[in-house]
N, C-alpha and C. Protein backbone atom coordinates (compact mmCIF):
# COMPACT_ATOMS: atom_id res chain seq x y z
N MET A 1 3.67 16.48 4.22
CA MET A 1 5.03 16.28 3.35
C MET A 1 4.62 14.88 2.91
N ILE A 2 5.48 14.67 2.03
CA ILE A 2 5.69 13.04 1.13
C ILE A 2 6.77 12.47 1.90
N SER A 3 6.48 11.46 2.34
CA SER A 3 7.86 10.44 2.73
C SER A 3 8.26 9.44 1.69
N ILE A 4 9.17 9.38 1.37
CA ILE A 4 9.77 8.09 0.70
C ILE A 4 10.65 6.99 1.67
N ILE A 5 10.16 5.81 1.54
CA ILE A 5 11.04 4.84 2.34
C ILE A 5 11.36 3.66 1.39
N VAL A 6 12.64 3.90 1.15
CA VAL A 6 13.41 2.62 0.51
C VAL A 6 13.76 1.22 1.12
N LEU A 7 13.33 0.33 0.59
CA LEU A 7 13.48 -0.99 1.06
C LEU A 7 14.12 -2.08 0.14
N GLY A 8 14.83 -2.85 0.63
CA GLY A 8 15.33 -3.81 -0.30
C GLY A 8 16.26 -5.00 0.55
N HIS A 9 16.54 -5.99 -0.01
CA HIS A 9 17.32 -7.23 0.36
C HIS A 9 18.77 -6.70 0.41
N GLY A 10 19.52 -7.78 1.59
CA GLY A 10 20.77 -7.17 1.65
C GLY A 10 21.13 -5.80 2.03
N HIS A 11 21.99 -5.31 1.46
CA HIS A 11 22.05 -3.85 2.02
C HIS A 11 21.69 -2.94 0.66
N PHE A 12 20.72 -3.09 -0.01
CA PHE A 12 20.11 -2.53 -1.15
C PHE A 12 19.77 -0.99 -0.64
N ALA A 13 19.16 -0.84 0.34
CA ALA A 13 18.42 0.60 0.87
C ALA A 13 19.81 1.49 1.30
N SER A 14 20.65 0.77 2.01
CA SER A 14 21.82 1.88 2.77
C SER A 14 22.81 2.21 1.48
N GLY A 15 22.77 1.00 0.46
CA GLY A 15 23.92 1.31 -0.46
C GLY A 15 23.17 2.33 -1.38
N ILE A 16 22.00 2.31 -2.06
CA ILE A 16 21.37 3.42 -2.58
C ILE A 16 21.43 4.74 -1.92
N GLN A 17 21.06 4.68 -0.69
CA GLN A 17 21.15 5.69 0.21
C GLN A 17 22.76 6.53 0.08
N TYR A 18 23.66 5.76 0.09
CA TYR A 18 25.03 6.18 0.20
C TYR A 18 25.29 6.75 -1.17
N ALA A 19 24.90 6.24 -2.41
CA ALA A 19 24.88 6.84 -3.69
C ALA A 19 24.18 8.07 -3.72
N LEU A 20 22.86 8.12 -3.28
CA LEU A 20 22.05 9.28 -3.42
C LEU A 20 22.74 10.57 -2.74
N ASN A 21 23.31 10.27 -1.44
CA ASN A 21 23.89 11.41 -0.78
C ASN A 21 25.13 11.99 -1.34
N GLN A 22 25.72 10.98 -2.05
CA GLN A 22 27.10 11.58 -2.63
C GLN A 22 26.56 12.18 -4.00
N ILE A 23 25.44 12.07 -4.51
CA ILE A 23 25.22 12.79 -5.84
C ILE A 23 24.64 14.16 -5.56
N ILE A 24 23.47 14.01 -4.65
CA ILE A 24 22.59 15.21 -4.22
C ILE A 24 22.58 15.75 -2.72
N GLY A 25 23.25 15.13 -2.01
CA GLY A 25 23.21 15.40 -0.51
C GLY A 25 22.13 14.48 0.14
N GLU A 26 22.34 14.52 1.50
CA GLU A 26 21.59 13.88 2.36
C GLU A 26 20.31 14.64 2.18
N GLN A 27 19.03 13.74 2.29
CA GLN A 27 17.89 14.03 2.01
C GLN A 27 16.91 13.86 3.36
N GLU A 28 16.26 14.88 3.55
CA GLU A 28 15.02 14.89 4.45
C GLU A 28 13.83 13.85 4.28
N ASN A 29 13.32 13.60 5.30
CA ASN A 29 11.95 12.81 5.16
C ASN A 29 12.10 11.50 4.11
N MET A 30 12.92 10.82 4.13
CA MET A 30 13.14 9.54 3.52
C MET A 30 13.74 8.61 4.58
N ALA A 31 13.31 7.33 4.41
CA ALA A 31 13.98 6.41 5.30
C ALA A 31 14.62 5.44 4.37
N PHE A 32 15.72 4.72 5.01
CA PHE A 32 16.35 3.60 3.85
C PHE A 32 16.60 2.43 4.89
N ILE A 33 15.76 1.31 4.67
CA ILE A 33 15.59 0.13 5.48
C ILE A 33 16.47 -0.92 4.82
N ASP A 34 17.30 -1.61 5.17
CA ASP A 34 17.89 -3.02 4.72
C ASP A 34 17.05 -4.04 5.11
N PHE A 35 17.20 -5.35 4.36
CA PHE A 35 16.67 -6.71 4.78
C PHE A 35 17.72 -7.52 4.52
N PRO A 36 18.64 -7.65 5.56
CA PRO A 36 19.77 -8.88 5.44
C PRO A 36 19.08 -9.97 5.92
N GLU A 37 19.72 -11.08 5.50
CA GLU A 37 19.61 -12.26 5.69
C GLU A 37 19.12 -12.73 7.56
N SER A 38 19.63 -11.73 8.26
CA SER A 38 19.52 -11.98 9.59
C SER A 38 18.25 -11.30 10.36
N LYS A 39 17.86 -10.69 9.37
CA LYS A 39 16.46 -9.93 9.88
C LYS A 39 15.45 -10.69 9.45
N SER A 40 14.25 -10.89 10.34
CA SER A 40 12.83 -11.40 10.26
C SER A 40 12.17 -10.34 9.38
N PRO A 41 10.97 -11.00 8.75
CA PRO A 41 9.99 -10.19 8.39
C PRO A 41 9.17 -9.25 9.19
N ALA A 42 9.14 -9.66 10.62
CA ALA A 42 8.58 -8.98 11.66
C ALA A 42 9.27 -8.13 12.31
N GLN A 43 10.50 -8.21 12.38
CA GLN A 43 11.50 -7.35 12.55
C GLN A 43 11.57 -5.98 11.47
N LEU A 44 11.48 -6.34 10.10
CA LEU A 44 11.44 -5.32 8.94
C LEU A 44 9.92 -4.72 9.39
N LYS A 45 9.12 -5.19 9.57
CA LYS A 45 7.85 -4.49 9.82
C LYS A 45 7.96 -3.63 10.96
N ASP A 46 8.46 -3.93 11.92
CA ASP A 46 8.73 -2.96 13.28
C ASP A 46 9.62 -1.84 12.77
N GLU A 47 10.82 -2.01 11.82
CA GLU A 47 11.40 -1.00 11.33
C GLU A 47 10.60 0.02 10.56
N ILE A 48 9.90 -0.41 9.70
CA ILE A 48 9.06 0.29 9.08
C ILE A 48 8.21 1.21 9.63
N LEU A 49 7.47 0.62 10.52
CA LEU A 49 6.43 1.26 11.52
C LEU A 49 7.17 2.37 12.51
N THR A 50 8.33 2.12 12.76
CA THR A 50 9.27 2.93 13.67
C THR A 50 9.59 4.34 12.85
N ALA A 51 9.96 3.90 11.52
CA ALA A 51 10.31 4.94 10.03
C ALA A 51 9.02 5.86 9.92
N LEU A 52 7.79 5.36 10.23
CA LEU A 52 6.77 6.08 9.93
C LEU A 52 6.36 7.05 10.95
N THR A 53 6.78 6.89 12.11
CA THR A 53 6.56 7.64 13.17
C THR A 53 7.63 8.89 13.38
N GLN A 54 8.67 8.52 12.54
CA GLN A 54 9.62 9.52 12.41
C GLN A 54 9.53 10.54 11.43
N LEU A 55 8.95 10.01 10.46
CA LEU A 55 8.41 10.80 8.89
C LEU A 55 7.25 11.63 9.09
N ASP A 56 7.25 12.64 8.46
CA ASP A 56 6.00 13.66 8.14
C ASP A 56 5.61 13.09 6.87
N HIS A 57 4.39 12.11 7.00
CA HIS A 57 3.88 11.42 5.87
C HIS A 57 2.48 11.95 5.72
N GLY A 58 2.16 13.22 6.03
CA GLY A 58 0.66 13.61 5.90
C GLY A 58 0.08 13.58 4.50
N ASP A 59 1.05 13.89 3.63
CA ASP A 59 0.48 13.81 2.13
C ASP A 59 1.15 12.53 1.50
N GLY A 60 1.51 11.64 2.20
CA GLY A 60 1.75 10.31 1.58
C GLY A 60 2.77 9.75 1.64
N VAL A 61 2.91 7.99 1.49
CA VAL A 61 4.17 7.60 1.66
C VAL A 61 4.32 6.78 0.40
N LEU A 62 5.56 6.95 -0.02
CA LEU A 62 5.98 6.12 -1.30
C LEU A 62 7.16 5.29 -0.72
N PHE A 63 6.56 3.94 -0.88
CA PHE A 63 7.50 2.97 -0.67
C PHE A 63 8.40 2.45 -1.94
N CYS A 64 9.61 2.35 -1.89
CA CYS A 64 10.27 2.26 -2.95
C CYS A 64 11.07 0.79 -2.67
N CYS A 65 10.61 -0.24 -3.38
CA CYS A 65 11.43 -1.56 -3.04
C CYS A 65 12.12 -2.05 -4.50
N ASP A 66 13.03 -3.20 -3.91
CA ASP A 66 13.85 -3.67 -4.89
C ASP A 66 13.43 -4.60 -6.03
N ILE A 67 12.54 -5.52 -5.37
CA ILE A 67 11.88 -6.50 -6.34
C ILE A 67 10.30 -6.92 -5.88
N LEU A 68 9.71 -7.23 -6.72
CA LEU A 68 8.31 -7.51 -6.79
C LEU A 68 8.27 -8.94 -6.24
N GLY A 69 7.30 -9.08 -5.11
CA GLY A 69 7.15 -10.35 -4.37
C GLY A 69 8.17 -10.75 -3.29
N GLY A 70 9.23 -9.80 -3.00
CA GLY A 70 10.16 -10.29 -1.97
C GLY A 70 9.61 -9.81 -0.56
N SER A 71 10.08 -10.05 0.36
CA SER A 71 9.65 -9.82 1.78
C SER A 71 9.35 -8.32 1.78
N PRO A 72 10.48 -7.45 1.52
CA PRO A 72 10.40 -6.01 1.76
C PRO A 72 9.30 -5.60 0.85
N PHE A 73 8.80 -5.97 -0.35
CA PHE A 73 7.42 -5.55 -1.03
C PHE A 73 6.07 -5.87 -0.36
N ARG A 74 6.25 -7.39 0.20
CA ARG A 74 5.22 -7.70 0.69
C ARG A 74 4.89 -7.04 2.06
N THR A 75 5.91 -6.88 2.78
CA THR A 75 5.61 -6.17 4.23
C THR A 75 5.03 -4.79 3.94
N ALA A 76 6.06 -4.04 2.98
CA ALA A 76 5.46 -2.61 2.64
C ALA A 76 4.09 -2.60 2.07
N SER A 77 3.76 -3.51 1.42
CA SER A 77 2.32 -3.78 0.88
C SER A 77 0.98 -3.85 1.70
N LEU A 78 1.43 -4.58 2.82
CA LEU A 78 0.35 -4.85 3.99
C LEU A 78 0.43 -3.49 4.73
N ILE A 79 1.42 -2.90 5.12
CA ILE A 79 1.30 -1.56 5.84
C ILE A 79 0.61 -0.46 4.69
N ALA A 80 1.08 -0.54 3.64
CA ALA A 80 0.50 0.54 2.87
C ALA A 80 -0.95 0.35 2.89
N GLN A 81 -1.66 -0.60 2.93
CA GLN A 81 -3.27 -0.85 3.14
C GLN A 81 -3.74 -0.13 4.03
N GLU A 82 -3.04 0.04 5.20
CA GLU A 82 -3.66 0.47 6.39
C GLU A 82 -3.43 2.41 6.42
N LEU A 83 -2.72 2.66 5.39
CA LEU A 83 -2.36 4.58 5.52
C LEU A 83 -3.14 4.90 4.35
N PRO A 84 -3.54 5.98 4.86
CA PRO A 84 -4.51 6.74 4.03
C PRO A 84 -4.15 7.02 2.57
N ILE A 85 -2.96 7.48 2.43
CA ILE A 85 -2.13 7.92 1.16
C ILE A 85 -0.94 7.15 1.03
N SER A 86 -0.86 6.13 0.09
CA SER A 86 0.28 5.34 0.00
C SER A 86 0.50 4.70 -1.44
N GLU A 87 1.74 4.39 -1.70
CA GLU A 87 2.11 3.61 -2.91
C GLU A 87 3.09 2.81 -2.68
N VAL A 88 3.18 1.48 -3.47
CA VAL A 88 4.40 0.60 -3.30
C VAL A 88 4.64 0.29 -4.73
N ILE A 89 5.83 0.59 -5.01
CA ILE A 89 6.47 0.42 -6.10
C ILE A 89 7.78 -0.27 -6.23
N THR A 90 8.09 -1.25 -7.13
CA THR A 90 9.44 -1.80 -7.43
C THR A 90 10.25 -1.70 -8.62
N GLY A 91 11.26 -2.26 -8.14
CA GLY A 91 12.30 -2.01 -9.60
C GLY A 91 12.94 -0.67 -9.23
N THR A 92 13.13 -0.29 -7.94
CA THR A 92 14.00 0.99 -7.49
C THR A 92 15.07 1.09 -8.19
N ASN A 93 15.59 2.31 -8.78
CA ASN A 93 16.80 2.55 -9.17
C ASN A 93 17.17 4.11 -8.76
N LEU A 94 18.45 4.20 -8.95
CA LEU A 94 19.25 5.41 -8.39
C LEU A 94 18.55 6.56 -9.13
N GLN A 95 18.34 6.51 -10.63
CA GLN A 95 17.74 7.84 -11.04
C GLN A 95 16.40 7.96 -10.76
N MET A 96 15.38 6.81 -10.34
CA MET A 96 14.25 7.33 -9.96
C MET A 96 14.39 7.74 -8.56
N LEU A 97 15.22 7.47 -7.70
CA LEU A 97 15.28 8.00 -6.31
C LEU A 97 16.04 9.50 -6.35
N ILE A 98 16.81 9.87 -7.39
CA ILE A 98 17.31 11.44 -7.39
C ILE A 98 16.04 12.12 -7.78
N GLU A 99 15.56 11.62 -8.72
CA GLU A 99 14.37 12.72 -9.11
C GLU A 99 13.17 12.53 -8.10
N CYS A 100 13.11 11.79 -7.59
CA CYS A 100 11.67 11.65 -6.62
C CYS A 100 12.21 12.60 -5.25
N ALA A 101 13.28 12.45 -4.97
CA ALA A 101 13.98 13.29 -3.74
C ALA A 101 13.75 14.40 -4.19
N MET A 102 14.33 15.07 -5.32
CA MET A 102 14.30 16.15 -5.40
C MET A 102 12.90 16.96 -5.89
N GLU A 103 11.87 16.14 -6.22
CA GLU A 103 10.62 16.71 -6.41
C GLU A 103 9.51 16.20 -5.55
N LYS A 104 10.00 15.67 -4.24
CA LYS A 104 8.93 15.15 -3.44
C LYS A 104 7.95 16.27 -2.65
N ASP A 105 8.85 17.41 -2.57
CA ASP A 105 8.37 18.50 -1.86
C ASP A 105 7.57 19.50 -2.81
N GLU A 106 7.56 19.31 -4.07
CA GLU A 106 6.84 20.21 -5.08
C GLU A 106 5.72 19.71 -5.61
N LEU A 107 5.75 18.20 -6.04
CA LEU A 107 4.65 17.61 -6.65
C LEU A 107 3.60 17.14 -5.51
N PRO A 108 2.53 16.86 -6.23
CA PRO A 108 1.43 16.00 -5.49
C PRO A 108 1.76 14.49 -5.46
N PHE A 109 1.13 14.03 -4.62
CA PHE A 109 1.56 12.49 -4.61
C PHE A 109 1.40 11.87 -5.75
N ALA A 110 0.31 11.89 -6.53
CA ALA A 110 -0.09 10.83 -7.78
C ALA A 110 0.93 11.41 -8.68
N GLU A 111 1.26 12.58 -8.89
CA GLU A 111 2.27 13.00 -9.81
C GLU A 111 3.77 12.56 -9.55
N LEU A 112 4.13 12.49 -8.09
CA LEU A 112 5.19 11.87 -7.69
C LEU A 112 5.45 10.29 -7.91
N VAL A 113 4.66 9.65 -7.85
CA VAL A 113 4.30 8.24 -8.12
C VAL A 113 4.52 8.24 -9.64
N GLU A 114 3.91 8.74 -10.31
CA GLU A 114 4.07 8.81 -11.73
C GLU A 114 5.60 9.00 -12.43
N LEU A 115 6.14 10.05 -11.71
CA LEU A 115 7.36 10.40 -12.05
C LEU A 115 8.36 9.32 -11.44
N ALA A 116 8.31 8.63 -10.56
CA ALA A 116 9.16 7.37 -9.97
C ALA A 116 9.12 6.47 -11.09
N ILE A 117 7.97 6.03 -11.48
CA ILE A 117 7.92 5.00 -12.76
C ILE A 117 8.41 5.28 -14.12
N HIS A 118 8.03 6.73 -14.41
CA HIS A 118 8.69 7.22 -15.49
C HIS A 118 10.11 7.42 -15.47
N SER A 119 10.61 8.13 -14.57
CA SER A 119 12.29 8.17 -14.22
C SER A 119 12.83 7.04 -14.32
N GLY A 120 12.32 5.93 -13.41
CA GLY A 120 12.75 4.70 -13.24
C GLY A 120 13.10 3.76 -14.81
N LYS A 121 11.90 4.01 -15.61
CA LYS A 121 12.03 3.29 -16.99
C LYS A 121 13.11 4.19 -17.70
N GLN A 122 12.99 5.55 -17.56
CA GLN A 122 13.78 6.16 -18.31
C GLN A 122 15.45 6.12 -18.01
N GLY A 123 15.50 5.59 -16.87
CA GLY A 123 16.99 5.32 -16.55
C GLY A 123 17.72 3.98 -16.84
N ILE A 124 16.81 3.36 -17.63
CA ILE A 124 17.21 1.98 -18.15
C ILE A 124 17.73 2.02 -19.50
N VAL A 125 18.71 2.00 -20.06
CA VAL A 125 18.97 2.19 -21.61
C VAL A 125 19.96 1.28 -21.73
N LYS A 126 20.16 1.02 -23.26
CA LYS A 126 21.25 0.32 -23.92
C LYS A 126 21.88 1.27 -24.73
N LEU A 127 23.23 1.27 -24.30
CA LEU A 127 24.16 2.31 -24.75
C LEU A 127 24.12 2.29 -26.55
N SER A 128 23.94 0.94 -26.90
CA SER A 128 24.18 1.15 -28.34
C SER A 128 22.86 1.70 -29.20
N GLU A 129 21.91 1.46 -28.54
CA GLU A 129 20.52 2.33 -28.97
C GLU A 129 20.76 3.56 -28.98
N GLU A 130 21.39 4.22 -27.87
CA GLU A 130 21.50 5.63 -27.62
C GLU A 130 22.57 6.26 -28.56
N LEU A 131 23.67 5.53 -28.82
CA LEU A 131 24.36 6.10 -29.92
C LEU A 131 23.89 6.04 -31.20
N THR A 132 23.09 4.92 -31.58
CA THR A 132 22.43 4.89 -32.95
C THR A 132 21.29 6.09 -32.89
N GLN A 133 20.67 6.24 -31.98
CA GLN A 133 19.78 7.45 -31.95
C GLN A 133 20.52 8.96 -31.97
N SER A 134 21.75 8.80 -31.25
CA SER A 134 22.40 10.15 -31.27
C SER A 134 22.97 10.33 -32.72
N LYS A 135 23.54 9.46 -33.43
CA LYS A 135 23.82 9.40 -34.82
C LYS A 135 22.73 9.77 -35.74
N SER A 136 21.74 9.33 -35.76
CA SER A 136 20.52 9.42 -36.38
C SER A 136 20.03 10.89 -36.19
N HIS A 137 20.24 11.56 -35.22
CA HIS A 137 19.75 12.76 -34.72
C HIS A 137 20.79 13.77 -35.39
N ASN A 138 22.04 13.58 -35.50
CA ASN A 138 22.96 14.44 -35.97
C ASN A 138 22.73 14.58 -37.34
N THR A 139 22.58 13.23 -38.12
CA THR A 139 22.32 13.17 -39.56
C THR A 139 21.32 13.77 -39.89
N THR A 140 20.13 13.77 -39.37
CA THR A 140 19.13 14.75 -39.59
C THR A 140 19.36 16.05 -39.56
N GLN A 141 20.15 16.45 -38.29
CA GLN A 141 20.18 18.00 -38.59
C GLN A 141 21.25 18.71 -39.25
N GLU A 142 22.11 17.86 -39.85
CA GLU A 142 23.13 18.09 -40.93
C GLU A 142 22.04 18.31 -42.32
N ASP A 143 21.42 17.30 -42.43
CA ASP A 143 20.44 17.47 -43.70
C ASP A 143 19.47 18.52 -43.81
N ASP A 144 19.11 18.77 -42.68
CA ASP A 144 18.30 20.19 -42.53
C ASP A 144 19.08 21.47 -42.64
N GLY A 145 20.31 21.23 -42.58
CA GLY A 145 21.32 22.58 -42.87
C GLY A 145 21.37 23.28 -41.41
N ILE A 146 21.15 22.56 -40.37
CA ILE A 146 21.44 22.87 -38.94
C ILE A 146 22.71 22.85 -38.81
């Protein structure tokens, strides 16, 4: 199976876990690890290693971090180098995690990583551009007689 470990500053991980559970229900083979001010990088590393012992990650581990260069990212990066199949991504958002959680048991690891990046980017939109595209699409349909 593929495991997903979500990491972030403050209560990022537990907050996104709460939202994920509300939308698609509790997910198996995922861990959510917060990095509050009171936790040291060594403690964070220990929590990640503990999570790995509890997850089935024979087909890979996808680490989803909040920001590039932060302690969660750096710690996950060091651990990932020791794993046979892993990837660390940053910029984690809810849309990304929903799609990955729903597909992690169906896709090969490399495809899941690409899905994470694609869906994460796709989930970032500007309303005014979406409305403009929608109006343009509707006008085109009317012009074609559809």
